[in-house]
Amino acid sequence: MTKRILLSAAVLAIAAACGKAAESTEQAAAEAPAPKNDAQRAADIAMALQVFPEKTDSVLKAYNMTADDLEKLMYKVAQDSALSAEYGRIMTR
């Protein structure tokens, strides 16, 4: 299960790297407070998994997610260029 989650995170990281170029309007929008969207949620979970890689099940439970849910979320973010770019900005802060 951990390999699948790490693979999903790697796919998303690659997609985020491809979408790093951001317009100034996108940057301004990213700096404004906004409700959590899929990119923010995916980034929150990814950061928690980086901090606690040995506690994958606990991290997923804390976010009310299963491994399948996380995989679907990561692919959803990776497939959307705006979400992917936002995820990249969040993860590189």
PDB file of N, CA and C in Angstrom:
ATOM      1  N   MET A   1       0.823  -1.184   0.000  1.00  0.00           N
ATOM      2  CA  MET A   1       0.000   0.000   0.000  1.00  0.00           C
ATOM      3  C   MET A   1       0.868   1.250   0.000  1.00  0.00           C
ATOM      4  N   THR A   2       1.929   1.268   0.783  1.00  0.00           N
ATOM      5  CA  THR A   2       2.799   2.430   0.842  1.00  0.00           C
ATOM      6  C   THR A   2       3.426   2.703  -0.516  1.00  0.00           C
ATOM      7  N   LYS A   3       3.808   1.656  -1.237  1.00  0.00           N
ATOM      8  CA  LYS A   3       4.398   1.842  -2.564  1.00  0.00           C
ATOM      9  C   LYS A   3       3.410   2.518  -3.497  1.00  0.00           C
ATOM     10  N   ARG A   4       2.151   2.134  -3.415  1.00  0.00           N
ATOM     11  CA  ARG A   4       1.128   2.720  -4.282  1.00  0.00           C
ATOM     12  C   ARG A   4       0.941   4.202  -3.957  1.00  0.00           C
ATOM     13  N   ILE A   5       0.955   4.556  -2.691  1.00  0.00           N
ATOM     14  CA  ILE A   5       0.805   5.949  -2.287  1.00  0.00           C
ATOM     15  C   ILE A   5       2.019   6.753  -2.741  1.00  0.00           C
ATOM     16  N   LEU A   6       3.201   6.203  -2.548  1.00  0.00           N
ATOM     17  CA  LEU A   6       4.409   6.905  -2.978  1.00  0.00           C
ATOM     18  C   LEU A   6       4.437   7.053  -4.493  1.00  0.00           C
ATOM     19  N   LEU A   7       3.963   6.038  -5.214  1.00  0.00           N
ATOM     20  CA  LEU A   7       3.894   6.128  -6.665  1.00  0.00           C
ATOM     21  C   LEU A   7       2.921   7.226  -7.072  1.00  0.00           C
ATOM     22  N   SER A   8       1.780   7.302  -6.403  1.00  0.00           N
ATOM     23  CA  SER A   8       0.810   8.366  -6.695  1.00  0.00           C
ATOM     24  C   SER A   8       1.418   9.735  -6.431  1.00  0.00           C
ATOM     25  N   ALA A   9       2.134   9.867  -5.326  1.00  0.00           N
ATOM     26  CA  ALA A   9       2.774  11.141  -5.000  1.00  0.00           C
ATOM     27  C   ALA A   9       3.842  11.485  -6.032  1.00  0.00           C
ATOM     28  N   ALA A  10       4.571  10.481  -6.513  1.00  0.00           N
ATOM     29  CA  ALA A  10       5.597  10.727  -7.530  1.00  0.00           C
ATOM     30  C   ALA A  10       4.967  11.187  -8.840  1.00  0.00           C
ATOM     31  N   VAL A  11       3.865  10.564  -9.223  1.00  0.00           N
ATOM     32  CA  VAL A  11       3.161  10.977 -10.448  1.00  0.00           C
ATOM     33  C   VAL A  11       2.719  12.421 -10.320  1.00  0.00           C
ATOM     34  N   LEU A  12       2.187  12.774  -9.173  1.00  0.00           N
ATOM     35  CA  LEU A  12       1.726  14.141  -8.960  1.00  0.00           C
ATOM     36  C   LEU A  12       2.881  15.130  -8.928  1.00  0.00           C
ATOM     37  N   ALA A  13       3.992  14.735  -8.337  1.00  0.00           N
ATOM     38  CA  ALA A  13       5.159  15.621  -8.297  1.00  0.00           C
ATOM     39  C   ALA A  13       5.684  15.899  -9.699  1.00  0.00           C
ATOM     40  N   ILE A  14       5.685  14.886 -10.541  1.00  0.00           N
ATOM     41  CA  ILE A  14       6.127  15.068 -11.928  1.00  0.00           C
ATOM     42  C   ILE A  14       5.174  15.998 -12.652  1.00  0.00           C
ATOM     43  N   ALA A  15       3.891  15.784 -12.454  1.00  0.00           N
ATOM     44  CA  ALA A  15       2.904  16.645 -13.110  1.00  0.00           C
ATOM     45  C   ALA A  15       3.027  18.086 -12.610  1.00  0.00           C
ATOM     46  N   ALA A  16       3.289  18.247 -11.321  1.00  0.00           N
ATOM     47  CA  ALA A  16       3.437  19.588 -10.765  1.00  0.00           C
ATOM     48  C   ALA A  16       4.673  20.279 -11.323  1.00  0.00           C
ATOM     49  N   ALA A  17       5.740  19.523 -11.503  1.00  0.00           N
ATOM     50  CA  ALA A  17       6.964  20.104 -12.057  1.00  0.00           C
ATOM     51  C   ALA A  17       6.729  20.597 -13.473  1.00  0.00           C
ATOM     52  N   CYS A  18       5.874  19.920 -14.206  1.00  0.00           N
ATOM     53  CA  CYS A  18       5.569  20.336 -15.573  1.00  0.00           C
ATOM     54  C   CYS A  18       4.752  21.623 -15.593  1.00  0.00           C
ATOM     55  N   GLY A  19       4.028  21.900 -14.532  1.00  0.00           N
ATOM     56  CA  GLY A  19       3.164  23.075 -14.514  1.00  0.00           C
ATOM     57  C   GLY A  19       3.690  24.204 -13.650  1.00  0.00           C
ATOM     58  N   LYS A  20       4.995  24.252 -13.433  1.00  0.00           N
ATOM     59  CA  LYS A  20       5.570  25.261 -12.535  1.00  0.00           C
ATOM     60  C   LYS A  20       5.426  26.692 -13.035  1.00  0.00           C
ATOM     61  N   ALA A  21       5.446  26.900 -14.336  1.00  0.00           N
ATOM     62  CA  ALA A  21       5.342  28.256 -14.861  1.00  0.00           C
ATOM     63  C   ALA A  21       3.962  28.800 -14.538  1.00  0.00           C
ATOM     64  N   ALA A  22       3.909  29.890 -13.820  1.00  0.00           N
ATOM     65  CA  ALA A  22       2.625  30.453 -13.408  1.00  0.00           C
ATOM     66  C   ALA A  22       2.510  31.892 -13.869  1.00  0.00           C
ATOM     67  N   GLU A  23       1.326  32.251 -14.259  1.00  0.00           N
ATOM     68  CA  GLU A  23       1.051  33.628 -14.645  1.00  0.00           C
ATOM     69  C   GLU A  23       0.973  34.467 -13.375  1.00  0.00           C
ATOM     70  N   SER A  24       1.178  35.778 -13.507  1.00  0.00           N
ATOM     71  CA  SER A  24       1.133  36.636 -12.321  1.00  0.00           C
ATOM     72  C   SER A  24      -0.251  36.625 -11.692  1.00  0.00           C
ATOM     73  N   THR A  25      -1.305  36.485 -12.488  1.00  0.00           N
ATOM     74  CA  THR A  25      -2.643  36.415 -11.914  1.00  0.00           C
ATOM     75  C   THR A  25      -2.837  35.136 -11.120  1.00  0.00           C
ATOM     76  N   GLU A  26      -2.234  34.037 -11.567  1.00  0.00           N
ATOM     77  CA  GLU A  26      -2.320  32.783 -10.805  1.00  0.00           C
ATOM     78  C   GLU A  26      -1.589  32.918  -9.483  1.00  0.00           C
ATOM     79  N   GLN A  27      -0.451  33.611  -9.502  1.00  0.00           N
ATOM     80  CA  GLN A  27       0.318  33.806  -8.277  1.00  0.00           C
ATOM     81  C   GLN A  27      -0.476  34.655  -7.288  1.00  0.00           C
ATOM     82  N   ALA A  28      -1.115  35.697  -7.785  1.00  0.00           N
ATOM     83  CA  ALA A  28      -1.914  36.553  -6.904  1.00  0.00           C
ATOM     84  C   ALA A  28      -3.075  35.757  -6.311  1.00  0.00           C
ATOM     85  N   ALA A  29      -3.694  34.933  -7.112  1.00  0.00           N
ATOM     86  CA  ALA A  29      -4.804  34.116  -6.623  1.00  0.00           C
ATOM     87  C   ALA A  29      -4.324  33.117  -5.581  1.00  0.00           C
ATOM     88  N   ALA A  30      -3.131  32.569  -5.776  1.00  0.00           N
ATOM     89  CA  ALA A  30      -2.595  31.588  -4.832  1.00  0.00           C
ATOM     90  C   ALA A  30      -2.263  32.226  -3.491  1.00  0.00           C
ATOM     91  N   GLU A  31      -1.938  33.510  -3.489  1.00  0.00           N
ATOM     92  CA  GLU A  31      -1.585  34.189  -2.250  1.00  0.00           C
ATOM     93  C   GLU A  31      -2.808  34.588  -1.440  1.00  0.00           C
ATOM     94  N   ALA A  32      -3.960  34.687  -2.079  1.00  0.00           N
ATOM     95  CA  ALA A  32      -5.186  35.053  -1.380  1.00  0.00           C
ATOM     96  C   ALA A  32      -5.719  33.835  -0.630  1.00  0.00           C
ATOM     97  N   PRO A  33      -6.213  34.036   0.590  1.00  0.00           N
ATOM     98  CA  PRO A  33      -6.776  32.908   1.324  1.00  0.00           C
ATOM     99  C   PRO A  33      -8.007  32.367   0.596  1.00  0.00           C
ATOM    100  N   ALA A  34      -8.116  31.080   0.559  1.00  0.00           N
ATOM    101  CA  ALA A  34      -9.241  30.439  -0.113  1.00  0.00           C
ATOM    102  C   ALA A  34      -9.580  29.144   0.617  1.00  0.00           C
ATOM    103  N   PRO A  35     -10.801  28.677   0.436  1.00  0.00           N
ATOM    104  CA  PRO A  35     -11.136  27.394   1.063  1.00  0.00           C
ATOM    105  C   PRO A  35     -10.281  26.280   0.468  1.00  0.00           C
ATOM    106  N   LYS A  36     -10.084  25.227   1.236  1.00  0.00           N
ATOM    107  CA  LYS A  36      -9.261  24.110   0.759  1.00  0.00           C
ATOM    108  C   LYS A  36      -9.915  23.442  -0.441  1.00  0.00           C
ATOM    109  N   ASN A  37      -9.119  23.265  -1.469  1.00  0.00           N
ATOM    110  CA  ASN A  37      -9.593  22.545  -2.641  1.00  0.00           C
ATOM    111  C   ASN A  37      -8.822  21.238  -2.736  1.00  0.00           C
ATOM    112  N   ASP A  38      -8.995  20.538  -3.850  1.00  0.00           N
ATOM    113  CA  ASP A  38      -8.337  19.240  -3.997  1.00  0.00           C
ATOM    114  C   ASP A  38      -6.819  19.349  -3.967  1.00  0.00           C
ATOM    115  N   ALA A  39      -6.260  20.412  -4.543  1.00  0.00           N
ATOM    116  CA  ALA A  39      -4.800  20.580  -4.545  1.00  0.00           C
ATOM    117  C   ALA A  39      -4.280  20.774  -3.123  1.00  0.00           C
ATOM    118  N   GLN A  40      -4.964  21.609  -2.349  1.00  0.00           N
ATOM    119  CA  GLN A  40      -4.548  21.852  -0.964  1.00  0.00           C
ATOM    120  C   GLN A  40      -4.679  20.589  -0.132  1.00  0.00           C
ATOM    121  N   ARG A  41      -5.775  19.896  -0.326  1.00  0.00           N
ATOM    122  CA  ARG A  41      -5.994  18.659   0.437  1.00  0.00           C
ATOM    123  C   ARG A  41      -4.938  17.612   0.086  1.00  0.00           C
ATOM    124  N   ALA A  42      -4.647  17.461  -1.204  1.00  0.00           N
ATOM    125  CA  ALA A  42      -3.618  16.510  -1.636  1.00  0.00           C
ATOM    126  C   ALA A  42      -2.258  16.886  -1.060  1.00  0.00           C
ATOM    127  N   ALA A  43      -1.949  18.176  -1.067  1.00  0.00           N
ATOM    128  CA  ALA A  43      -0.669  18.644  -0.525  1.00  0.00           C
ATOM    129  C   ALA A  43      -0.595  18.412   0.983  1.00  0.00           C
ATOM    130  N   ASP A  44      -1.689  18.683   1.686  1.00  0.00           N
ATOM    131  CA  ASP A  44      -1.713  18.444   3.136  1.00  0.00           C
ATOM    132  C   ASP A  44      -1.402  16.985   3.449  1.00  0.00           C
ATOM    133  N   ILE A  45      -2.038  16.089   2.716  1.00  0.00           N
ATOM    134  CA  ILE A  45      -1.835  14.663   2.944  1.00  0.00           C
ATOM    135  C   ILE A  45      -0.414  14.252   2.565  1.00  0.00           C
ATOM    136  N   ALA A  46       0.072  14.755   1.432  1.00  0.00           N
ATOM    137  CA  ALA A  46       1.431  14.418   0.989  1.00  0.00           C
ATOM    138  C   ALA A  46       2.465  14.878   2.012  1.00  0.00           C
ATOM    139  N   MET A  47       2.277  16.081   2.560  1.00  0.00           N
ATOM    140  CA  MET A  47       3.220  16.583   3.569  1.00  0.00           C
ATOM    141  C   MET A  47       3.163  15.727   4.835  1.00  0.00           C
ATOM    142  N   ALA A  48       1.974  15.333   5.232  1.00  0.00           N
ATOM    143  CA  ALA A  48       1.841  14.478   6.419  1.00  0.00           C
ATOM    144  C   ALA A  48       2.522  13.131   6.194  1.00  0.00           C
ATOM    145  N   LEU A  49       2.381  12.595   4.984  1.00  0.00           N
ATOM    146  CA  LEU A  49       3.031  11.319   4.674  1.00  0.00           C
ATOM    147  C   LEU A  49       4.548  11.454   4.619  1.00  0.00           C
ATOM    148  N   GLN A  50       5.048  12.627   4.226  1.00  0.00           N
ATOM    149  CA  GLN A  50       6.493  12.841   4.236  1.00  0.00           C
ATOM    150  C   GLN A  50       7.022  12.887   5.663  1.00  0.00           C
ATOM    151  N   VAL A  51       6.257  13.485   6.562  1.00  0.00           N
ATOM    152  CA  VAL A  51       6.674  13.598   7.960  1.00  0.00           C
ATOM    153  C   VAL A  51       6.541  12.254   8.685  1.00  0.00           C
ATOM    154  N   PHE A  52       5.489  11.498   8.368  1.00  0.00           N
ATOM    155  CA  PHE A  52       5.214  10.234   9.044  1.00  0.00           C
ATOM    156  C   PHE A  52       5.080   9.085   8.042  1.00  0.00           C
ATOM    157  N   PRO A  53       6.146   8.759   7.304  1.00  0.00           N
ATOM    158  CA  PRO A  53       6.028   7.720   6.278  1.00  0.00           C
ATOM    159  C   PRO A  53       5.687   6.336   6.841  1.00  0.00           C
ATOM    160  N   GLU A  54       6.023   6.092   8.078  1.00  0.00           N
ATOM    161  CA  GLU A  54       5.748   4.788   8.676  1.00  0.00           C
ATOM    162  C   GLU A  54       4.321   4.689   9.217  1.00  0.00           C
ATOM    163  N   LYS A  55       3.576   5.781   9.172  1.00  0.00           N
ATOM    164  CA  LYS A  55       2.215   5.811   9.721  1.00  0.00           C
ATOM    165  C   LYS A  55       1.184   6.113   8.637  1.00  0.00           C
ATOM    166  N   THR A  56       1.375   5.502   7.491  1.00  0.00           N
ATOM    167  CA  THR A  56       0.496   5.754   6.343  1.00  0.00           C
ATOM    168  C   THR A  56      -0.974   5.551   6.691  1.00  0.00           C
ATOM    169  N   ASP A  57      -1.292   4.437   7.322  1.00  0.00           N
ATOM    170  CA  ASP A  57      -2.688   4.149   7.650  1.00  0.00           C
ATOM    171  C   ASP A  57      -3.285   5.205   8.578  1.00  0.00           C
ATOM    172  N   SER A  58      -2.517   5.631   9.560  1.00  0.00           N
ATOM    173  CA  SER A  58      -2.996   6.640  10.510  1.00  0.00           C
ATOM    174  C   SER A  58      -3.210   7.992   9.833  1.00  0.00           C
ATOM    175  N   VAL A  59      -2.293   8.360   8.953  1.00  0.00           N
ATOM    176  CA  VAL A  59      -2.423   9.633   8.233  1.00  0.00           C
ATOM    177  C   VAL A  59      -3.678   9.605   7.373  1.00  0.00           C
ATOM    178  N   LEU A  60      -3.857   8.527   6.625  1.00  0.00           N
ATOM    179  CA  LEU A  60      -5.047   8.429   5.771  1.00  0.00           C
ATOM    180  C   LEU A  60      -6.327   8.472   6.598  1.00  0.00           C
ATOM    181  N   LYS A  61      -6.321   7.785   7.721  1.00  0.00           N
ATOM    182  CA  LYS A  61      -7.504   7.782   8.591  1.00  0.00           C
ATOM    183  C   LYS A  61      -7.794   9.185   9.114  1.00  0.00           C
ATOM    184  N   ALA A  62      -6.750   9.921   9.460  1.00  0.00           N
ATOM    185  CA  ALA A  62      -6.931  11.286   9.962  1.00  0.00           C
ATOM    186  C   ALA A  62      -7.589  12.197   8.922  1.00  0.00           C
ATOM    187  N   TYR A  63      -7.376  11.903   7.659  1.00  0.00           N
ATOM    188  CA  TYR A  63      -7.972  12.692   6.577  1.00  0.00           C
ATOM    189  C   TYR A  63      -9.215  12.013   6.000  1.00  0.00           C
ATOM    190  N   ASN A  64      -9.723  11.007   6.689  1.00  0.00           N
ATOM    191  CA  ASN A  64     -10.901  10.258   6.244  1.00  0.00           C
ATOM    192  C   ASN A  64     -10.738   9.754   4.811  1.00  0.00           C
ATOM    193  N   MET A  65      -9.565   9.200   4.529  1.00  0.00           N
ATOM    194  CA  MET A  65      -9.248   8.709   3.194  1.00  0.00           C
ATOM    195  C   MET A  65      -8.820   7.245   3.271  1.00  0.00           C
ATOM    196  N   THR A  66      -9.035   6.543   2.176  1.00  0.00           N
ATOM    197  CA  THR A  66      -8.443   5.219   1.988  1.00  0.00           C
ATOM    198  C   THR A  66      -7.311   5.396   0.978  1.00  0.00           C
ATOM    199  N   ALA A  67      -6.523   4.366   0.795  1.00  0.00           N
ATOM    200  CA  ALA A  67      -5.452   4.440  -0.205  1.00  0.00           C
ATOM    201  C   ALA A  67      -6.050   4.668  -1.593  1.00  0.00           C
ATOM    202  N   ASP A  68      -7.177   4.039  -1.875  1.00  0.00           N
ATOM    203  CA  ASP A  68      -7.843   4.237  -3.161  1.00  0.00           C
ATOM    204  C   ASP A  68      -8.334   5.675  -3.315  1.00  0.00           C
ATOM    205  N   ASP A  69      -8.898   6.242  -2.237  1.00  0.00           N
ATOM    206  CA  ASP A  69      -9.349   7.641  -2.286  1.00  0.00           C
ATOM    207  C   ASP A  69      -8.184   8.578  -2.585  1.00  0.00           C
ATOM    208  N   LEU A  70      -7.056   8.343  -1.915  1.00  0.00           N
ATOM    209  CA  LEU A  70      -5.890   9.197  -2.130  1.00  0.00           C
ATOM    210  C   LEU A  70      -5.385   9.062  -3.558  1.00  0.00           C
ATOM    211  N   GLU A  71      -5.356   7.854  -4.056  1.00  0.00           N
ATOM    212  CA  GLU A  71      -4.896   7.642  -5.429  1.00  0.00           C
ATOM    213  C   GLU A  71      -5.790   8.400  -6.414  1.00  0.00           C
ATOM    214  N   LYS A  72      -7.088   8.329  -6.224  1.00  0.00           N
ATOM    215  CA  LYS A  72      -8.029   9.051  -7.093  1.00  0.00           C
ATOM    216  C   LYS A  72      -7.817  10.558  -6.987  1.00  0.00           C
ATOM    217  N   LEU A  73      -7.614  11.049  -5.766  1.00  0.00           N
ATOM    218  CA  LEU A  73      -7.383  12.481  -5.566  1.00  0.00           C
ATOM    219  C   LEU A  73      -6.106  12.926  -6.258  1.00  0.00           C
ATOM    220  N   MET A  74      -5.035  12.156  -6.109  1.00  0.00           N
ATOM    221  CA  MET A  74      -3.760  12.512  -6.731  1.00  0.00           C
ATOM    222  C   MET A  74      -3.876  12.546  -8.255  1.00  0.00           C
ATOM    223  N   TYR A  75      -4.548  11.563  -8.822  1.00  0.00           N
ATOM    224  CA  TYR A  75      -4.718  11.546 -10.277  1.00  0.00           C
ATOM    225  C   TYR A  75      -5.607  12.701 -10.736  1.00  0.00           C
ATOM    226  N   LYS A  76      -6.619  13.034  -9.957  1.00  0.00           N
ATOM    227  CA  LYS A  76      -7.493  14.162 -10.302  1.00  0.00           C
ATOM    228  C   LYS A  76      -6.691  15.452 -10.349  1.00  0.00           C
ATOM    229  N   VAL A  77      -5.856  15.668  -9.351  1.00  0.00           N
ATOM    230  CA  VAL A  77      -5.021  16.873  -9.305  1.00  0.00           C
ATOM    231  C   VAL A  77      -4.009  16.852 -10.451  1.00  0.00           C
ATOM    232  N   ALA A  78      -3.418  15.702 -10.710  1.00  0.00           N
ATOM    233  CA  ALA A  78      -2.407  15.601 -11.769  1.00  0.00           C
ATOM    234  C   ALA A  78      -3.001  15.872 -13.150  1.00  0.00           C
ATOM    235  N   GLN A  79      -4.253  15.521 -13.350  1.00  0.00           N
ATOM    236  CA  GLN A  79      -4.879  15.692 -14.659  1.00  0.00           C
ATOM    237  C   GLN A  79      -5.354  17.120 -14.914  1.00  0.00           C
ATOM    238  N   ASP A  80      -5.480  17.929 -13.893  1.00  0.00           N
ATOM    239  CA  ASP A  80      -5.959  19.304 -14.027  1.00  0.00           C
ATOM    240  C   ASP A  80      -4.761  20.246 -13.915  1.00  0.00           C
ATOM    241  N   SER A  81      -4.472  20.983 -14.975  1.00  0.00           N
ATOM    242  CA  SER A  81      -3.255  21.814 -14.984  1.00  0.00           C
ATOM    243  C   SER A  81      -3.275  22.888 -13.902  1.00  0.00           C
ATOM    244  N   ALA A  82      -4.421  23.479 -13.624  1.00  0.00           N
ATOM    245  CA  ALA A  82      -4.492  24.515 -12.587  1.00  0.00           C
ATOM    246  C   ALA A  82      -4.267  23.910 -11.201  1.00  0.00           C
ATOM    247  N   LEU A  83      -4.921  22.775 -10.927  1.00  0.00           N
ATOM    248  CA  LEU A  83      -4.722  22.117  -9.631  1.00  0.00           C
ATOM    249  C   LEU A  83      -3.298  21.627  -9.490  1.00  0.00           C
ATOM    250  N   SER A  84      -2.743  21.104 -10.568  1.00  0.00           N
ATOM    251  CA  SER A  84      -1.368  20.609 -10.548  1.00  0.00           C
ATOM    252  C   SER A  84      -0.377  21.739 -10.257  1.00  0.00           C
ATOM    253  N   ALA A  85      -0.590  22.886 -10.891  1.00  0.00           N
ATOM    254  CA  ALA A  85       0.284  24.040 -10.647  1.00  0.00           C
ATOM    255  C   ALA A  85       0.161  24.518  -9.205  1.00  0.00           C
ATOM    256  N   GLU A  86      -1.063  24.541  -8.691  1.00  0.00           N
ATOM    257  CA  GLU A  86      -1.264  24.958  -7.302  1.00  0.00           C
ATOM    258  C   GLU A  86      -0.603  23.978  -6.340  1.00  0.00           C
ATOM    259  N   TYR A  87      -0.751  22.692  -6.618  1.00  0.00           N
ATOM    260  CA  TYR A  87      -0.105  21.665  -5.790  1.00  0.00           C
ATOM    261  C   TYR A  87       1.418  21.878  -5.788  1.00  0.00           C
ATOM    262  N   GLY A  88       1.978  22.158  -6.943  1.00  0.00           N
ATOM    263  CA  GLY A  88       3.421  22.413  -7.045  1.00  0.00           C
ATOM    264  C   GLY A  88       3.848  23.618  -6.223  1.00  0.00           C
ATOM    265  N   ARG A  89       3.054  24.686  -6.276  1.00  0.00           N
ATOM    266  CA  ARG A  89       3.374  25.889  -5.480  1.00  0.00           C
ATOM    267  C   ARG A  89       3.328  25.570  -3.993  1.00  0.00           C
ATOM    268  N   ILE A  90       2.317  24.823  -3.582  1.00  0.00           N
ATOM    269  CA  ILE A  90       2.163  24.493  -2.148  1.00  0.00           C
ATOM    270  C   ILE A  90       3.339  23.631  -1.691  1.00  0.00           C
ATOM    271  N   MET A  91       3.704  22.660  -2.481  1.00  0.00           N
ATOM    272  CA  MET A  91       4.731  21.718  -2.070  1.00  0.00           C
ATOM    273  C   MET A  91       6.143  22.321  -2.100  1.00  0.00           C
ATOM    274  N   THR A  92       6.326  23.431  -2.800  1.00  0.00           N
ATOM    275  CA  THR A  92       7.653  24.040  -2.860  1.00  0.00           C
ATOM    276  C   THR A  92       7.793  25.240  -1.951  1.00  0.00           C
ATOM    277  N   ARG A  93       6.814  25.504  -1.119  1.00  0.00           N
ATOM    278  CA  ARG A  93       6.915  26.624  -0.164  1.00  0.00           C
ATOM    279  C   ARG A  93       7.931  26.329   0.886  1.00  0.00           C
TER     280      ARG A  93
END
